[in-house]
C-alpha cells in the first residue's frame, strides 16, 4: 500500500484476494478505506518513531503495510453486502 491509502474516501473499497489451489476458489476480503486509512497512517507513524537496529532513524517513504489479524480477515471474508449497505 502507499501513503495515499492512509486517507479515507467514502467510495473507496479495498479488495484483497487470497488465491488458493486450482481446486478451490479464491477468498476475497473487503475493507472500506475508513477501516484501513487511519490504521496504516498510525502504524506507519509508530514505525517511524522506532530507530533501526543500528540506532539510525528510519526514513519516511510512500510504502505502507496493512496486515490484518485473523479475526479481521474472518469478519471481512466475502462480505460483499457491506459495500452496498453503506452506499
N, C-alpha and C. Protein backbone atom coordinates (compact mmCIF):
# COMPACT_ATOMS: atom_id res chain seq x y z
N UNK A 1 0.85 -1.16 0.00
CA UNK A 1 0.00 0.00 0.00
C UNK A 1 0.91 1.23 0.00
N UNK A 2 0.30 2.37 -0.26
CA UNK A 2 1.11 3.58 -0.33
C UNK A 2 0.53 4.65 0.59
N UNK A 3 1.23 5.76 0.66
CA UNK A 3 0.86 6.88 1.53
C UNK A 3 -0.57 7.34 1.26
N UNK A 4 -0.98 7.37 0.01
CA UNK A 4 -2.33 7.83 -0.32
C UNK A 4 -3.41 6.93 0.26
N UNK A 5 -3.08 5.66 0.57
CA UNK A 5 -4.06 4.75 1.16
C UNK A 5 -4.33 5.07 2.63
N UNK A 6 -3.60 6.01 3.19
CA UNK A 6 -3.81 6.45 4.56
C UNK A 6 -4.94 7.45 4.69
N UNK A 7 -5.63 7.71 3.59
CA UNK A 7 -6.73 8.66 3.59
C UNK A 7 -8.04 7.91 3.40
N UNK A 8 -9.09 8.44 4.03
CA UNK A 8 -10.41 7.84 3.88
C UNK A 8 -11.12 8.47 2.69
N UNK A 9 -11.82 7.64 1.94
CA UNK A 9 -12.60 8.09 0.81
C UNK A 9 -13.91 7.32 0.84
N UNK A 10 -15.03 8.02 0.89
CA UNK A 10 -16.34 7.38 1.07
C UNK A 10 -16.60 6.27 0.05
N UNK A 11 -16.21 6.46 -1.18
CA UNK A 11 -16.50 5.48 -2.23
C UNK A 11 -15.38 4.50 -2.50
N UNK A 12 -14.35 4.49 -1.65
CA UNK A 12 -13.19 3.63 -1.91
C UNK A 12 -13.21 2.39 -1.03
N UNK A 13 -13.12 1.25 -1.69
CA UNK A 13 -13.06 -0.04 -1.02
C UNK A 13 -11.77 -0.74 -1.44
N UNK A 14 -11.21 -1.53 -0.53
CA UNK A 14 -10.01 -2.30 -0.83
C UNK A 14 -10.40 -3.77 -0.84
N UNK A 15 -10.01 -4.45 -1.87
CA UNK A 15 -10.31 -5.87 -2.03
C UNK A 15 -8.99 -6.64 -2.05
N UNK A 16 -8.84 -7.53 -1.09
CA UNK A 16 -7.66 -8.39 -1.03
C UNK A 16 -8.09 -9.79 -1.43
N UNK A 17 -7.26 -10.43 -2.24
CA UNK A 17 -7.59 -11.75 -2.76
C UNK A 17 -6.52 -12.74 -2.32
N UNK A 18 -6.98 -13.83 -1.73
CA UNK A 18 -6.08 -14.94 -1.39
C UNK A 18 -6.34 -16.05 -2.40
N UNK A 19 -5.37 -16.28 -3.26
CA UNK A 19 -5.51 -17.30 -4.30
C UNK A 19 -5.17 -18.65 -3.68
N UNK A 20 -6.15 -19.53 -3.71
CA UNK A 20 -5.98 -20.88 -3.17
C UNK A 20 -5.49 -21.81 -4.27
N UNK A 21 -5.67 -23.08 -4.07
CA UNK A 21 -5.27 -24.06 -5.08
C UNK A 21 -6.21 -24.00 -6.28
N UNK A 22 -5.85 -24.71 -7.31
CA UNK A 22 -6.69 -24.74 -8.51
C UNK A 22 -8.06 -25.36 -8.24
N UNK A 23 -8.15 -26.20 -7.23
CA UNK A 23 -9.40 -26.88 -6.91
C UNK A 23 -10.34 -26.02 -6.07
N UNK A 24 -9.83 -24.96 -5.49
CA UNK A 24 -10.63 -24.14 -4.58
C UNK A 24 -10.67 -22.70 -5.08
N UNK A 25 -11.83 -22.09 -4.98
CA UNK A 25 -11.99 -20.70 -5.41
C UNK A 25 -11.19 -19.77 -4.49
N UNK A 26 -10.82 -18.59 -4.99
CA UNK A 26 -10.10 -17.63 -4.15
C UNK A 26 -10.98 -17.10 -3.03
N UNK A 27 -10.35 -16.62 -1.98
CA UNK A 27 -11.04 -15.95 -0.88
C UNK A 27 -10.90 -14.45 -1.11
N UNK A 28 -11.99 -13.73 -0.89
CA UNK A 28 -12.00 -12.28 -1.06
C UNK A 28 -12.25 -11.61 0.29
N UNK A 29 -11.50 -10.55 0.55
CA UNK A 29 -11.62 -9.80 1.80
C UNK A 29 -11.88 -8.34 1.44
N UNK A 30 -13.00 -7.81 1.91
CA UNK A 30 -13.45 -6.48 1.51
C UNK A 30 -13.35 -5.53 2.70
N UNK A 31 -12.57 -4.46 2.55
CA UNK A 31 -12.38 -3.45 3.58
C UNK A 31 -12.71 -2.08 3.01
N UNK A 32 -13.40 -1.26 3.80
CA UNK A 32 -13.64 0.13 3.40
C UNK A 32 -12.39 0.94 3.75
N UNK A 33 -12.16 2.01 3.01
CA UNK A 33 -10.97 2.83 3.24
C UNK A 33 -10.93 3.39 4.67
N UNK A 34 -12.09 3.59 5.29
CA UNK A 34 -12.12 4.10 6.67
C UNK A 34 -11.56 3.08 7.65
N UNK A 35 -11.60 1.81 7.30
CA UNK A 35 -11.07 0.77 8.17
C UNK A 35 -9.56 0.60 8.01
N UNK A 36 -9.04 1.08 6.92
CA UNK A 36 -7.62 0.90 6.62
C UNK A 36 -6.84 2.20 6.81
N UNK A 37 -7.40 3.30 6.34
CA UNK A 37 -6.68 4.57 6.29
C UNK A 37 -6.04 5.01 7.60
N UNK A 38 -6.84 5.17 8.63
CA UNK A 38 -6.31 5.63 9.91
C UNK A 38 -5.31 4.64 10.49
N UNK A 39 -5.60 3.38 10.28
CA UNK A 39 -4.72 2.35 10.84
C UNK A 39 -3.33 2.37 10.21
N UNK A 40 -3.27 2.39 8.88
CA UNK A 40 -1.94 2.36 8.27
C UNK A 40 -1.18 3.66 8.53
N UNK A 41 -1.90 4.77 8.63
CA UNK A 41 -1.23 6.04 8.94
C UNK A 41 -0.65 5.99 10.35
N UNK A 42 -1.43 5.50 11.30
CA UNK A 42 -0.96 5.42 12.69
C UNK A 42 0.17 4.43 12.87
N UNK A 43 0.03 3.27 12.25
CA UNK A 43 1.09 2.25 12.37
C UNK A 43 2.38 2.72 11.71
N UNK A 44 2.25 3.46 10.61
CA UNK A 44 3.45 3.97 9.95
C UNK A 44 4.14 5.01 10.82
N UNK A 45 3.37 5.87 11.43
CA UNK A 45 3.94 6.89 12.33
C UNK A 45 4.67 6.21 13.49
N UNK A 46 4.06 5.17 14.05
CA UNK A 46 4.70 4.43 15.14
C UNK A 46 5.99 3.77 14.67
N UNK A 47 5.97 3.20 13.47
CA UNK A 47 7.16 2.55 12.90
C UNK A 47 8.28 3.57 12.71
N UNK A 48 7.93 4.77 12.21
CA UNK A 48 8.94 5.81 12.00
C UNK A 48 9.58 6.25 13.31
N UNK A 49 8.82 6.20 14.40
CA UNK A 49 9.35 6.67 15.68
C UNK A 49 10.35 5.69 16.29
N UNK A 50 10.38 4.46 15.79
CA UNK A 50 11.32 3.46 16.29
C UNK A 50 12.61 3.51 15.47
N UNK A 51 13.76 3.63 16.10
CA UNK A 51 15.00 3.64 15.32
C UNK A 51 15.30 2.25 14.74
N UNK A 52 16.13 2.24 13.71
CA UNK A 52 16.58 0.97 13.12
C UNK A 52 17.40 0.21 14.15
N UNK A 53 17.73 -1.04 13.84
CA UNK A 53 18.53 -1.86 14.76
C UNK A 53 19.88 -1.22 15.06
N UNK A 54 20.43 -0.49 14.08
CA UNK A 54 21.73 0.15 14.28
C UNK A 54 21.61 1.52 14.95
N UNK A 55 20.39 1.91 15.34
CA UNK A 55 20.19 3.16 16.05
C UNK A 55 19.86 4.36 15.16
N UNK A 56 20.03 4.20 13.86
CA UNK A 56 19.74 5.31 12.94
C UNK A 56 18.23 5.51 12.83
N UNK A 57 17.81 6.75 12.57
CA UNK A 57 16.37 6.99 12.39
C UNK A 57 15.88 6.38 11.08
N UNK A 58 14.63 6.00 11.05
CA UNK A 58 14.04 5.46 9.83
C UNK A 58 13.71 6.59 8.87
N UNK A 59 13.79 6.31 7.58
CA UNK A 59 13.44 7.29 6.56
C UNK A 59 12.00 7.08 6.13
N UNK A 60 11.28 8.18 5.97
CA UNK A 60 9.90 8.11 5.53
C UNK A 60 9.87 7.81 4.03
N UNK A 61 9.01 6.89 3.65
CA UNK A 61 8.80 6.55 2.24
C UNK A 61 7.30 6.54 1.97
N UNK A 62 6.91 6.27 0.76
CA UNK A 62 5.50 6.16 0.43
C UNK A 62 4.95 4.76 0.70
N UNK A 63 5.80 3.80 1.03
CA UNK A 63 5.38 2.43 1.29
C UNK A 63 4.65 2.33 2.62
N UNK A 64 3.53 1.59 2.63
CA UNK A 64 2.76 1.34 3.84
C UNK A 64 2.40 -0.13 3.90
N UNK A 65 2.19 -0.64 5.13
CA UNK A 65 1.80 -2.03 5.32
C UNK A 65 0.41 -2.10 5.94
N UNK A 66 -0.34 -3.09 5.53
CA UNK A 66 -1.60 -3.41 6.17
C UNK A 66 -1.60 -4.91 6.38
N UNK A 67 -1.53 -5.32 7.63
CA UNK A 67 -1.52 -6.75 7.94
C UNK A 67 -2.71 -7.02 8.87
N UNK A 68 -3.81 -7.48 8.29
CA UNK A 68 -5.00 -7.74 9.11
C UNK A 68 -4.81 -8.96 10.00
N UNK A 69 -5.49 -8.94 11.13
CA UNK A 69 -5.47 -10.09 12.04
C UNK A 69 -6.36 -11.20 11.48
N UNK A 70 -6.24 -12.37 12.03
CA UNK A 70 -7.09 -13.49 11.61
C UNK A 70 -8.57 -13.16 11.84
N UNK A 71 -8.86 -12.47 12.95
CA UNK A 71 -10.23 -12.09 13.24
C UNK A 71 -10.76 -11.10 12.21
N UNK A 72 -9.94 -10.14 11.82
CA UNK A 72 -10.35 -9.17 10.80
C UNK A 72 -10.60 -9.86 9.47
N UNK A 73 -9.74 -10.78 9.11
CA UNK A 73 -9.92 -11.50 7.85
C UNK A 73 -11.23 -12.28 7.86
N UNK A 74 -11.51 -12.95 8.96
CA UNK A 74 -12.75 -13.72 9.05
C UNK A 74 -13.96 -12.80 8.95
N UNK A 75 -13.90 -11.66 9.60
CA UNK A 75 -15.01 -10.69 9.58
C UNK A 75 -15.26 -10.14 8.18
N UNK A 76 -14.20 -9.94 7.40
CA UNK A 76 -14.31 -9.29 6.09
C UNK A 76 -14.34 -10.27 4.92
N UNK A 77 -14.27 -11.55 5.21
CA UNK A 77 -14.24 -12.56 4.15
C UNK A 77 -15.57 -12.58 3.40
N UNK A 78 -15.48 -12.38 2.10
CA UNK A 78 -16.65 -12.42 1.20
C UNK A 78 -17.81 -11.57 1.71
N UNK A 79 -17.49 -10.45 2.30
CA UNK A 79 -18.50 -9.57 2.89
C UNK A 79 -18.96 -8.53 1.87
N UNK A 80 -19.42 -9.00 0.73
CA UNK A 80 -19.82 -8.12 -0.37
C UNK A 80 -20.99 -7.22 0.02
N UNK A 81 -21.89 -7.71 0.86
CA UNK A 81 -23.07 -6.95 1.24
C UNK A 81 -22.71 -5.61 1.88
N UNK A 82 -21.62 -5.60 2.61
CA UNK A 82 -21.20 -4.39 3.32
C UNK A 82 -21.01 -3.21 2.35
N UNK A 83 -20.53 -3.49 1.17
CA UNK A 83 -20.30 -2.42 0.19
C UNK A 83 -21.61 -1.73 -0.18
N UNK A 84 -22.68 -2.48 -0.23
CA UNK A 84 -23.95 -1.93 -0.67
C UNK A 84 -24.79 -1.37 0.47
N UNK A 85 -24.54 -1.81 1.69
CA UNK A 85 -25.23 -1.28 2.86
C UNK A 85 -24.84 0.17 3.09
N UNK A 86 -23.56 0.49 2.88
CA UNK A 86 -23.04 1.81 3.19
C UNK A 86 -23.04 2.73 1.98
N UNK A 87 -23.58 2.30 0.88
CA UNK A 87 -23.55 3.10 -0.34
C UNK A 87 -24.52 4.27 -0.24
